[in-house]
Every structure is written in C-alpha cells, then in structure tokens.
Amino acid sequence: MLGLFEDAVYQTTRVVIPAGGTLVFYSDGVTEAESPGGEFFQESGLEAVVERNCDLPAGEIASKIVGALDAFAAGREQSDDITVLVVRFRP
C-alpha cells in the first residue's frame, strides 16, 4: 500500500534487486478478480503468470497478466480496478 492514509506510519526496508530482476506492482483488483464461479485469481494465479512469462519484456509480462485475468473472468464484470506495473532491471 502506498500513501493510502495520511497519518499512517510505515516501515521501510532495503531490497537489492539483481540485474535482470523484475518487480510487479498490482492493485488488489488483480488478486481479487473473480471467475464466473466466484473464485478469486489470488496471488498464486498472478505468480504463475509471472513465472511462465518471466523472460519476456516488462510490457509483455503486464499484457500476459491482463490477458490471464480476462480469461479467468470469462466475461464476468469486475468489481474493482485492475492496475499492473511491471519493472525490469536491466543488466
């Protein structure tokens, strides 16, 4: 969560991202996307898409995530926004 509450106190940490590493930022609308049967896409669904496509450029990974969500929802209207940002650290 970034900047949601004005008076909130957040912890900071440092993480070293190796060259070639990838970060995926997403809104809860991604993991809470629903199938026609009411199942959620969940983090496991997102992780699976990223793992299958981790060698692609960042923009294509984002497109694969959105495509997987569309296929998962199978026409069901989503109840939340779907936001995805993929960042690749070049070697």
N, C-alpha and C. Protein backbone atom coordinates (compact mmCIF):
# COMPACT_ATOMS: atom_id res chain seq x y z
N MET A 1 0.84 -1.16 0.00
CA MET A 1 0.00 0.00 0.00
C MET A 1 0.90 1.23 0.00
N LEU A 2 0.62 2.17 -0.85
CA LEU A 2 1.44 3.37 -0.95
C LEU A 2 0.60 4.61 -0.68
N GLY A 3 0.89 5.28 0.42
CA GLY A 3 0.29 6.57 0.69
C GLY A 3 -1.21 6.60 0.86
N LEU A 4 -1.78 5.54 1.38
CA LEU A 4 -3.23 5.47 1.48
C LEU A 4 -3.79 6.33 2.62
N PHE A 5 -3.09 6.34 3.76
CA PHE A 5 -3.59 7.06 4.93
C PHE A 5 -2.58 8.12 5.34
N GLU A 6 -3.05 9.35 5.49
CA GLU A 6 -2.17 10.48 5.79
C GLU A 6 -1.40 10.29 7.09
N ASP A 7 -2.01 9.76 8.13
CA ASP A 7 -1.37 9.64 9.43
C ASP A 7 -0.74 8.28 9.68
N ALA A 8 -0.71 7.43 8.69
CA ALA A 8 -0.17 6.08 8.87
C ALA A 8 1.34 6.12 9.04
N VAL A 9 1.85 5.16 9.79
CA VAL A 9 3.28 5.00 9.98
C VAL A 9 3.69 3.74 9.23
N TYR A 10 4.67 3.88 8.34
CA TYR A 10 5.11 2.76 7.53
C TYR A 10 6.54 2.40 7.86
N GLN A 11 6.86 1.15 7.80
CA GLN A 11 8.23 0.70 7.96
C GLN A 11 8.90 0.74 6.60
N THR A 12 10.18 1.00 6.62
CA THR A 12 10.94 0.95 5.37
C THR A 12 11.97 -0.16 5.46
N THR A 13 12.34 -0.65 4.32
CA THR A 13 13.38 -1.67 4.24
C THR A 13 14.09 -1.51 2.92
N ARG A 14 15.25 -2.06 2.81
CA ARG A 14 16.00 -2.03 1.56
C ARG A 14 16.05 -3.44 0.99
N VAL A 15 15.87 -3.49 -0.30
CA VAL A 15 15.94 -4.76 -1.01
C VAL A 15 16.85 -4.56 -2.22
N VAL A 16 17.77 -5.46 -2.41
CA VAL A 16 18.65 -5.38 -3.56
C VAL A 16 18.01 -6.18 -4.69
N ILE A 17 17.74 -5.49 -5.78
CA ILE A 17 17.16 -6.15 -6.96
C ILE A 17 18.31 -6.45 -7.91
N PRO A 18 18.53 -7.70 -8.22
CA PRO A 18 19.65 -8.03 -9.10
C PRO A 18 19.39 -7.58 -10.54
N ALA A 19 20.46 -7.38 -11.29
CA ALA A 19 20.33 -7.06 -12.71
C ALA A 19 19.49 -8.15 -13.37
N GLY A 20 18.55 -7.74 -14.18
CA GLY A 20 17.65 -8.70 -14.82
C GLY A 20 16.44 -9.04 -13.97
N GLY A 21 16.41 -8.53 -12.72
CA GLY A 21 15.28 -8.79 -11.84
C GLY A 21 14.04 -8.04 -12.28
N THR A 22 12.90 -8.49 -11.79
CA THR A 22 11.63 -7.91 -12.18
C THR A 22 10.79 -7.64 -10.93
N LEU A 23 10.16 -6.48 -10.88
CA LEU A 23 9.19 -6.16 -9.84
C LEU A 23 7.82 -6.03 -10.48
N VAL A 24 6.82 -6.58 -9.81
CA VAL A 24 5.45 -6.47 -10.29
C VAL A 24 4.63 -5.79 -9.20
N PHE A 25 4.10 -4.63 -9.52
CA PHE A 25 3.20 -3.89 -8.63
C PHE A 25 1.79 -4.10 -9.15
N TYR A 26 0.84 -4.27 -8.23
CA TYR A 26 -0.53 -4.52 -8.68
C TYR A 26 -1.52 -4.06 -7.62
N SER A 27 -2.71 -3.73 -8.07
CA SER A 27 -3.78 -3.38 -7.14
C SER A 27 -4.50 -4.65 -6.70
N ASP A 28 -5.27 -4.54 -5.65
CA ASP A 28 -5.98 -5.71 -5.14
C ASP A 28 -7.04 -6.22 -6.13
N GLY A 29 -7.38 -5.39 -7.11
CA GLY A 29 -8.32 -5.84 -8.13
C GLY A 29 -7.76 -6.98 -8.96
N VAL A 30 -6.43 -7.12 -9.00
CA VAL A 30 -5.82 -8.23 -9.74
C VAL A 30 -6.05 -9.54 -8.99
N THR A 31 -5.64 -9.59 -7.73
CA THR A 31 -5.76 -10.84 -6.98
C THR A 31 -7.19 -11.16 -6.57
N GLU A 32 -8.05 -10.14 -6.55
CA GLU A 32 -9.44 -10.35 -6.19
C GLU A 32 -10.37 -10.43 -7.40
N ALA A 33 -9.78 -10.50 -8.61
CA ALA A 33 -10.60 -10.72 -9.80
C ALA A 33 -11.33 -12.05 -9.64
N GLU A 34 -12.59 -12.09 -10.07
CA GLU A 34 -13.41 -13.29 -9.85
C GLU A 34 -13.74 -14.01 -11.15
N SER A 35 -13.77 -15.31 -11.03
CA SER A 35 -14.21 -16.16 -12.13
C SER A 35 -15.74 -16.21 -12.11
N PRO A 36 -16.37 -16.76 -13.15
CA PRO A 36 -17.83 -16.88 -13.14
C PRO A 36 -18.34 -17.70 -11.95
N GLY A 37 -17.50 -18.59 -11.43
CA GLY A 37 -17.89 -19.41 -10.27
C GLY A 37 -17.63 -18.75 -8.93
N GLY A 38 -17.08 -17.51 -8.95
CA GLY A 38 -16.85 -16.78 -7.71
C GLY A 38 -15.50 -17.01 -7.08
N GLU A 39 -14.60 -17.76 -7.75
CA GLU A 39 -13.26 -17.96 -7.20
C GLU A 39 -12.43 -16.71 -7.47
N PHE A 40 -11.44 -16.46 -6.61
CA PHE A 40 -10.53 -15.33 -6.79
C PHE A 40 -9.28 -15.77 -7.53
N PHE A 41 -8.71 -14.86 -8.29
CA PHE A 41 -7.47 -15.12 -9.03
C PHE A 41 -6.32 -15.38 -8.07
N GLN A 42 -6.25 -14.66 -6.99
CA GLN A 42 -5.29 -14.80 -5.89
C GLN A 42 -3.85 -14.52 -6.32
N GLU A 43 -3.00 -14.43 -5.33
CA GLU A 43 -1.58 -14.21 -5.59
C GLU A 43 -0.98 -15.39 -6.33
N SER A 44 -1.48 -16.58 -6.05
CA SER A 44 -0.94 -17.77 -6.73
C SER A 44 -1.18 -17.71 -8.23
N GLY A 45 -2.32 -17.18 -8.65
CA GLY A 45 -2.59 -17.03 -10.08
C GLY A 45 -1.66 -16.02 -10.72
N LEU A 46 -1.42 -14.91 -10.01
CA LEU A 46 -0.51 -13.88 -10.50
C LEU A 46 0.91 -14.42 -10.59
N GLU A 47 1.35 -15.09 -9.55
CA GLU A 47 2.70 -15.66 -9.53
C GLU A 47 2.90 -16.64 -10.68
N ALA A 48 1.91 -17.46 -10.96
CA ALA A 48 2.02 -18.43 -12.04
C ALA A 48 2.20 -17.76 -13.39
N VAL A 49 1.45 -16.68 -13.63
CA VAL A 49 1.57 -15.96 -14.90
C VAL A 49 2.95 -15.33 -15.02
N VAL A 50 3.43 -14.72 -13.95
CA VAL A 50 4.74 -14.07 -13.98
C VAL A 50 5.84 -15.11 -14.19
N GLU A 51 5.77 -16.23 -13.49
CA GLU A 51 6.77 -17.27 -13.65
C GLU A 51 6.81 -17.83 -15.07
N ARG A 52 5.64 -18.03 -15.68
CA ARG A 52 5.59 -18.56 -17.05
C ARG A 52 6.15 -17.59 -18.07
N ASN A 53 6.13 -16.31 -17.75
CA ASN A 53 6.49 -15.28 -18.72
C ASN A 53 7.67 -14.41 -18.28
N CYS A 54 8.44 -14.86 -17.32
CA CYS A 54 9.48 -14.03 -16.72
C CYS A 54 10.60 -13.64 -17.69
N ASP A 55 10.74 -14.31 -18.80
CA ASP A 55 11.79 -13.97 -19.76
C ASP A 55 11.35 -12.91 -20.77
N LEU A 56 10.09 -12.52 -20.73
CA LEU A 56 9.57 -11.53 -21.66
C LEU A 56 9.90 -10.12 -21.19
N PRO A 57 9.85 -9.13 -22.08
CA PRO A 57 9.99 -7.74 -21.66
C PRO A 57 8.86 -7.34 -20.71
N ALA A 58 9.10 -6.32 -19.89
CA ALA A 58 8.14 -5.90 -18.87
C ALA A 58 6.74 -5.64 -19.42
N GLY A 59 6.65 -4.93 -20.53
CA GLY A 59 5.33 -4.63 -21.10
C GLY A 59 4.57 -5.88 -21.51
N GLU A 60 5.28 -6.86 -22.01
CA GLU A 60 4.63 -8.11 -22.41
C GLU A 60 4.19 -8.92 -21.20
N ILE A 61 4.97 -8.87 -20.11
CA ILE A 61 4.54 -9.54 -18.88
C ILE A 61 3.23 -8.93 -18.40
N ALA A 62 3.16 -7.59 -18.40
CA ALA A 62 1.93 -6.91 -17.99
C ALA A 62 0.76 -7.33 -18.87
N SER A 63 0.98 -7.41 -20.17
CA SER A 63 -0.08 -7.83 -21.09
C SER A 63 -0.52 -9.27 -20.82
N LYS A 64 0.43 -10.13 -20.49
CA LYS A 64 0.10 -11.54 -20.18
C LYS A 64 -0.74 -11.62 -18.91
N ILE A 65 -0.42 -10.77 -17.92
CA ILE A 65 -1.21 -10.76 -16.68
C ILE A 65 -2.64 -10.34 -16.98
N VAL A 66 -2.80 -9.25 -17.73
CA VAL A 66 -4.15 -8.76 -18.06
C VAL A 66 -4.90 -9.80 -18.89
N GLY A 67 -4.21 -10.44 -19.83
CA GLY A 67 -4.85 -11.48 -20.63
C GLY A 67 -5.29 -12.66 -19.78
N ALA A 68 -4.47 -13.05 -18.82
CA ALA A 68 -4.83 -14.15 -17.93
C ALA A 68 -6.04 -13.78 -17.07
N LEU A 69 -6.11 -12.52 -16.65
CA LEU A 69 -7.26 -12.07 -15.87
C LEU A 69 -8.53 -12.10 -16.72
N ASP A 70 -8.43 -11.66 -17.97
CA ASP A 70 -9.59 -11.69 -18.87
C ASP A 70 -10.07 -13.13 -19.07
N ALA A 71 -9.13 -14.04 -19.28
CA ALA A 71 -9.51 -15.45 -19.47
C ALA A 71 -10.12 -16.02 -18.20
N PHE A 72 -9.55 -15.68 -17.06
CA PHE A 72 -10.04 -16.18 -15.77
C PHE A 72 -11.46 -15.68 -15.50
N ALA A 73 -11.70 -14.39 -15.77
CA ALA A 73 -13.02 -13.79 -15.51
C ALA A 73 -14.07 -14.29 -16.50
N ALA A 74 -13.62 -14.70 -17.69
CA ALA A 74 -14.53 -15.26 -18.71
C ALA A 74 -15.80 -14.42 -18.89
N GLY A 75 -15.61 -13.09 -18.98
CA GLY A 75 -16.74 -12.21 -19.23
C GLY A 75 -17.41 -11.67 -17.99
N ARG A 76 -17.06 -12.17 -16.82
CA ARG A 76 -17.66 -11.64 -15.59
C ARG A 76 -17.17 -10.21 -15.36
N GLU A 77 -18.08 -9.32 -15.03
CA GLU A 77 -17.72 -7.94 -14.77
C GLU A 77 -16.95 -7.87 -13.45
N GLN A 78 -15.86 -7.12 -13.47
CA GLN A 78 -15.03 -7.00 -12.28
C GLN A 78 -15.57 -5.91 -11.37
N SER A 79 -15.37 -6.10 -10.07
CA SER A 79 -15.90 -5.15 -9.10
C SER A 79 -14.86 -4.14 -8.61
N ASP A 80 -13.65 -4.22 -9.13
CA ASP A 80 -12.58 -3.33 -8.67
C ASP A 80 -11.67 -3.01 -9.85
N ASP A 81 -10.84 -1.97 -9.66
CA ASP A 81 -9.89 -1.63 -10.72
C ASP A 81 -8.83 -2.71 -10.85
N ILE A 82 -8.24 -2.80 -12.02
CA ILE A 82 -7.14 -3.72 -12.26
C ILE A 82 -5.97 -2.88 -12.74
N THR A 83 -4.96 -2.79 -11.89
CA THR A 83 -3.78 -1.99 -12.18
C THR A 83 -2.55 -2.87 -12.06
N VAL A 84 -1.70 -2.85 -13.09
CA VAL A 84 -0.47 -3.65 -13.09
C VAL A 84 0.66 -2.77 -13.60
N LEU A 85 1.79 -2.81 -12.91
CA LEU A 85 3.01 -2.13 -13.33
C LEU A 85 4.15 -3.13 -13.19
N VAL A 86 4.85 -3.38 -14.29
CA VAL A 86 5.97 -4.31 -14.27
C VAL A 86 7.24 -3.53 -14.57
N VAL A 87 8.25 -3.69 -13.72
CA VAL A 87 9.52 -3.00 -13.86
C VAL A 87 10.63 -4.04 -13.98
N ARG A 88 11.42 -3.94 -15.04
CA ARG A 88 12.54 -4.85 -15.24
C ARG A 88 13.84 -4.08 -15.06
N PHE A 89 14.74 -4.62 -14.29
CA PHE A 89 16.05 -4.00 -14.05
C PHE A 89 17.05 -4.58 -15.04
N ARG A 90 17.53 -3.74 -15.92
CA ARG A 90 18.43 -4.20 -16.98
C ARG A 90 19.80 -4.58 -16.43
N PRO A 91 20.40 -5.59 -17.03
CA PRO A 91 21.75 -5.98 -16.62
C PRO A 91 22.77 -4.94 -17.06
